[in-house]
């Protein structure tokens, strides 16, 4: 079993409380369910990279696990995940990314205009 860092790029549309407060809450929720979460991005654009670490014997499974962790934390923080990519759309992309990253990193990039 290997450890994978999974990155998901998202545009966060802030709730009434504001983007800064929401991203703080998201990090708190990520830390509850993942040992090594990280989040970085732009408050001006709302585009953020969210990183989590998962253990798996398969990079495709690692991306599925990682994105599930991120989505779960988002829901716990009060986010809606309307337009979330379907898992059956990811396998071809994930296999290509895993090869290009030499299995050291798998990432899923969501277009910034997707909410």
C-alpha atoms as a PDB file:
ATOM      1  CA  UNK A   1       0.000   0.000   0.000  1.00  0.00           C
ATOM      2  CA  UNK A   2       1.297   3.462  -0.918  1.00  0.00           C
ATOM      3  CA  UNK A   3       0.530   6.939   0.344  1.00  0.00           C
ATOM      4  CA  UNK A   4      -0.784   9.389  -2.240  1.00  0.00           C
ATOM      5  CA  UNK A   5      -1.226  13.144  -2.067  1.00  0.00           C
ATOM      6  CA  UNK A   6      -4.433  14.003  -3.850  1.00  0.00           C
ATOM      7  CA  UNK A   7      -5.087  17.563  -4.988  1.00  0.00           C
ATOM      8  CA  UNK A   8      -8.446  18.940  -5.989  1.00  0.00           C
ATOM      9  CA  UNK A   9      -8.723  22.460  -7.445  1.00  0.00           C
ATOM     10  CA  UNK A  10     -12.056  24.086  -6.765  1.00  0.00           C
ATOM     11  CA  UNK A  11     -13.698  27.475  -6.954  1.00  0.00           C
ATOM     12  CA  UNK A  12     -15.299  28.235  -3.629  1.00  0.00           C
ATOM     13  CA  UNK A  13     -18.335  30.488  -3.755  1.00  0.00           C
ATOM     14  CA  UNK A  14     -18.462  32.036  -0.283  1.00  0.00           C
ATOM     15  CA  UNK A  15     -21.480  31.698   1.949  1.00  0.00           C
ATOM     16  CA  UNK A  16     -22.807  34.763   3.754  1.00  0.00           C
ATOM     17  CA  UNK A  17     -20.077  34.437   6.410  1.00  0.00           C
ATOM     18  CA  UNK A  18     -17.373  35.196   3.848  1.00  0.00           C
ATOM     19  CA  UNK A  19     -14.702  33.209   2.094  1.00  0.00           C
ATOM     20  CA  UNK A  20     -11.971  33.566   4.714  1.00  0.00           C
ATOM     21  CA  UNK A  21     -14.193  32.184   7.478  1.00  0.00           C
ATOM     22  CA  UNK A  22     -15.430  29.376   5.254  1.00  0.00           C
ATOM     23  CA  UNK A  23     -11.922  28.243   4.276  1.00  0.00           C
ATOM     24  CA  UNK A  24     -10.957  28.227   7.972  1.00  0.00           C
ATOM     25  CA  UNK A  25     -13.962  26.007   8.710  1.00  0.00           C
ATOM     26  CA  UNK A  26     -13.127  23.759   5.756  1.00  0.00           C
ATOM     27  CA  UNK A  27      -9.581  23.248   7.072  1.00  0.00           C
ATOM     28  CA  UNK A  28     -10.960  22.394  10.519  1.00  0.00           C
ATOM     29  CA  UNK A  29     -13.246  19.778   8.985  1.00  0.00           C
ATOM     30  CA  UNK A  30     -10.447  18.378   6.802  1.00  0.00           C
ATOM     31  CA  UNK A  31      -8.179  18.049   9.851  1.00  0.00           C
ATOM     32  CA  UNK A  32     -10.857  15.997  11.625  1.00  0.00           C
ATOM     33  CA  UNK A  33     -10.862  13.327   8.903  1.00  0.00           C
ATOM     34  CA  UNK A  34      -7.393  13.484   7.302  1.00  0.00           C
ATOM     35  CA  UNK A  35      -3.924  13.467   8.852  1.00  0.00           C
ATOM     36  CA  UNK A  36      -2.206  15.839   6.415  1.00  0.00           C
ATOM     37  CA  UNK A  37      -4.653  18.248   4.777  1.00  0.00           C
ATOM     38  CA  UNK A  38      -3.512  21.457   3.165  1.00  0.00           C
ATOM     39  CA  UNK A  39      -5.351  24.275   1.456  1.00  0.00           C
ATOM     40  CA  UNK A  40      -4.020  27.206  -0.508  1.00  0.00           C
ATOM     41  CA  UNK A  41      -5.421  29.622  -2.995  1.00  0.00           C
ATOM     42  CA  UNK A  42      -6.698  33.097  -3.646  1.00  0.00           C
ATOM     43  CA  UNK A  43      -9.346  34.896  -1.628  1.00  0.00           C
ATOM     44  CA  UNK A  44      -9.692  37.285  -4.573  1.00  0.00           C
ATOM     45  CA  UNK A  45     -10.540  34.606  -7.163  1.00  0.00           C
ATOM     46  CA  UNK A  46     -11.962  31.957  -4.834  1.00  0.00           C
ATOM     47  CA  UNK A  47      -9.848  29.276  -6.549  1.00  0.00           C
ATOM     48  CA  UNK A  48      -8.185  26.905  -4.091  1.00  0.00           C
ATOM     49  CA  UNK A  49      -6.081  23.754  -4.186  1.00  0.00           C
ATOM     50  CA  UNK A  50      -7.009  21.272  -1.486  1.00  0.00           C
ATOM     51  CA  UNK A  51      -4.530  18.493  -0.664  1.00  0.00           C
ATOM     52  CA  UNK A  52      -5.160  15.331   1.339  1.00  0.00           C
ATOM     53  CA  UNK A  53      -3.123  12.186   1.902  1.00  0.00           C
ATOM     54  CA  UNK A  54      -4.642   8.735   1.455  1.00  0.00           C
ATOM     55  CA  UNK A  55      -3.289   5.202   1.490  1.00  0.00           C
ATOM     56  CA  UNK A  56      -4.139   2.845  -1.337  1.00  0.00           C
ATOM     57  CA  UNK A  57      -2.648   0.174  -3.539  1.00  0.00           C
ATOM     58  CA  UNK A  58      -4.148   1.831  -6.620  1.00  0.00           C
ATOM     59  CA  UNK A  59      -3.856   5.466  -7.819  1.00  0.00           C
ATOM     60  CA  UNK A  60      -7.417   5.476  -9.180  1.00  0.00           C
ATOM     61  CA  UNK A  61      -8.729   4.382  -5.805  1.00  0.00           C
ATOM     62  CA  UNK A  62      -6.508   7.002  -4.138  1.00  0.00           C
ATOM     63  CA  UNK A  63      -8.147   9.799  -6.142  1.00  0.00           C
ATOM     64  CA  UNK A  64     -11.601   8.480  -5.310  1.00  0.00           C
ATOM     65  CA  UNK A  65     -10.736   8.292  -1.609  1.00  0.00           C
ATOM     66  CA  UNK A  66      -9.118  11.724  -1.594  1.00  0.00           C
ATOM     67  CA  UNK A  67     -11.939  13.478  -3.370  1.00  0.00           C
ATOM     68  CA  UNK A  68     -14.451  11.761  -1.059  1.00  0.00           C
ATOM     69  CA  UNK A  69     -12.547  13.143   1.946  1.00  0.00           C
ATOM     70  CA  UNK A  70     -12.581  16.643   0.455  1.00  0.00           C
ATOM     71  CA  UNK A  71     -16.259  16.492  -0.448  1.00  0.00           C
ATOM     72  CA  UNK A  72     -17.186  15.185   3.014  1.00  0.00           C
ATOM     73  CA  UNK A  73     -15.265  18.017   4.681  1.00  0.00           C
ATOM     74  CA  UNK A  74     -16.932  20.523   2.368  1.00  0.00           C
ATOM     75  CA  UNK A  75     -20.371  19.264   3.340  1.00  0.00           C
ATOM     76  CA  UNK A  76     -19.445  19.367   7.038  1.00  0.00           C
ATOM     77  CA  UNK A  77     -18.340  22.987   6.572  1.00  0.00           C
ATOM     78  CA  UNK A  78     -21.700  23.821   4.989  1.00  0.00           C
ATOM     79  CA  UNK A  79     -20.836  23.718   1.290  1.00  0.00           C
ATOM     80  CA  UNK A  80     -22.936  22.482  -1.587  1.00  0.00           C
ATOM     81  CA  UNK A  81     -21.159  20.342  -4.166  1.00  0.00           C
ATOM     82  CA  UNK A  82     -23.491  20.920  -7.095  1.00  0.00           C
ATOM     83  CA  UNK A  83     -21.746  19.919 -10.332  1.00  0.00           C
ATOM     84  CA  UNK A  84     -19.260  17.582  -8.617  1.00  0.00           C
ATOM     85  CA  UNK A  85     -17.658  15.332 -11.258  1.00  0.00           C
ATOM     86  CA  UNK A  86     -19.057  11.823 -11.467  1.00  0.00           C
ATOM     87  CA  UNK A  87     -16.566   9.130 -10.518  1.00  0.00           C
ATOM     88  CA  UNK A  88     -17.191   7.246 -13.761  1.00  0.00           C
ATOM     89  CA  UNK A  89     -15.720  10.244 -15.631  1.00  0.00           C
ATOM     90  CA  UNK A  90     -12.373  10.009 -13.847  1.00  0.00           C
ATOM     91  CA  UNK A  91     -10.625   6.653 -14.543  1.00  0.00           C
ATOM     92  CA  UNK A  92      -9.022   7.531 -17.893  1.00  0.00           C
ATOM     93  CA  UNK A  93      -7.856  10.875 -16.593  1.00  0.00           C
ATOM     94  CA  UNK A  94      -6.536   9.379 -13.347  1.00  0.00           C
ATOM     95  CA  UNK A  95      -4.545   6.664 -15.063  1.00  0.00           C
ATOM     96  CA  UNK A  96      -2.838   9.231 -17.306  1.00  0.00           C
ATOM     97  CA  UNK A  97      -2.073  11.521 -14.373  1.00  0.00           C
ATOM     98  CA  UNK A  98      -0.682   8.681 -12.272  1.00  0.00           C
ATOM     99  CA  UNK A  99       1.735   7.732 -15.055  1.00  0.00           C
ATOM    100  CA  UNK A 100       2.790  11.346 -15.633  1.00  0.00           C
ATOM    101  CA  UNK A 101       3.328  11.869 -11.898  1.00  0.00           C
ATOM    102  CA  UNK A 102       5.261   8.593 -11.560  1.00  0.00           C
ATOM    103  CA  UNK A 103       2.747   7.557  -8.894  1.00  0.00           C
ATOM    104  CA  UNK A 104       4.110  10.199  -6.524  1.00  0.00           C
ATOM    105  CA  UNK A 105       1.149  12.494  -6.894  1.00  0.00           C
ATOM    106  CA  UNK A 106      -2.330  12.220  -8.282  1.00  0.00           C
ATOM    107  CA  UNK A 107      -4.426  15.275  -8.828  1.00  0.00           C
ATOM    108  CA  UNK A 108      -7.824  16.182 -10.107  1.00  0.00           C
ATOM    109  CA  UNK A 109      -8.302  19.645 -11.522  1.00  0.00           C
ATOM    110  CA  UNK A 110     -11.811  21.046 -11.680  1.00  0.00           C
ATOM    111  CA  UNK A 111     -12.186  23.948 -14.120  1.00  0.00           C
ATOM    112  CA  UNK A 112     -12.309  27.170 -12.152  1.00  0.00           C
ATOM    113  CA  UNK A 113     -15.705  28.083 -13.618  1.00  0.00           C
ATOM    114  CA  UNK A 114     -17.301  24.946 -12.140  1.00  0.00           C
ATOM    115  CA  UNK A 115     -19.221  25.491  -8.899  1.00  0.00           C
END
